[in-house]
Amino acid sequence: MELILILGPMKSGKSFELINYFAPLKYTDEKFALFHSINNVRDEAIQSRNNVVAEARKIKSIKEIVNGGYAAVGIDEIHMFPDTDAKYVAELLRWGTRVVISGLDTDYQGRMFKIIKELLELGPNTVNYKRAVCDHCRQPDAVYTQVLKDSVPIFKGLPPSIPDDGTYAYRALCRRCFKKL
């Protein structure tokens, strides 16, 4: 039916926008639900950085919700799901489900996640690309998420998706600062 992608770096308001999309639905008879990956160890619910919270169920794979009979589903932190889960999003769409997805579009090396490429190939109705304030130069055009360990940037050796469990720090960077540092 309808596929909406909300993409961008850390701290850009993706989860906030996802929550805002679903907030009015609680006053309808429409069957909807919000989900996020069990790999998201930072939060139990979907929580924006400005402390807006929405209840969500943690799942291992989008396959778990395909036969749920939902009119609409929201999926946060899509980059934490298996790359193969794009096929289950396609299945939800074939069933007529409205699917709203948020997450990082690129990894710590600036490479697009495979699942994002596959979702873009599904021909989304809307792609809303968010930008953050660059944590280095303070300009509002950050498009990358950089990973740091003990305040030192990491450029290789990690998996594309890294759980936010406190081991690493993250910062949003613009193109100029991402390449410079």
Foldseek 3Di string as FASTA:
>chain_A
DAEEEEEFAPAFCQLVVLCVVCVVVVVDPFFEFEEEAPLQPPDQFRAHPVGDTDHHYHDQALLVCLPVPGQEYEYEAVLNHDLVRLVSVVSSVVVNHHYYYYHYQFFQQRHGRSNNVSNVVSPHPYYHYTFDQFPPPRHGHFGHKFKAAPNHTDNDDDPRDDHPPPRIDITTHHPVVSVVD
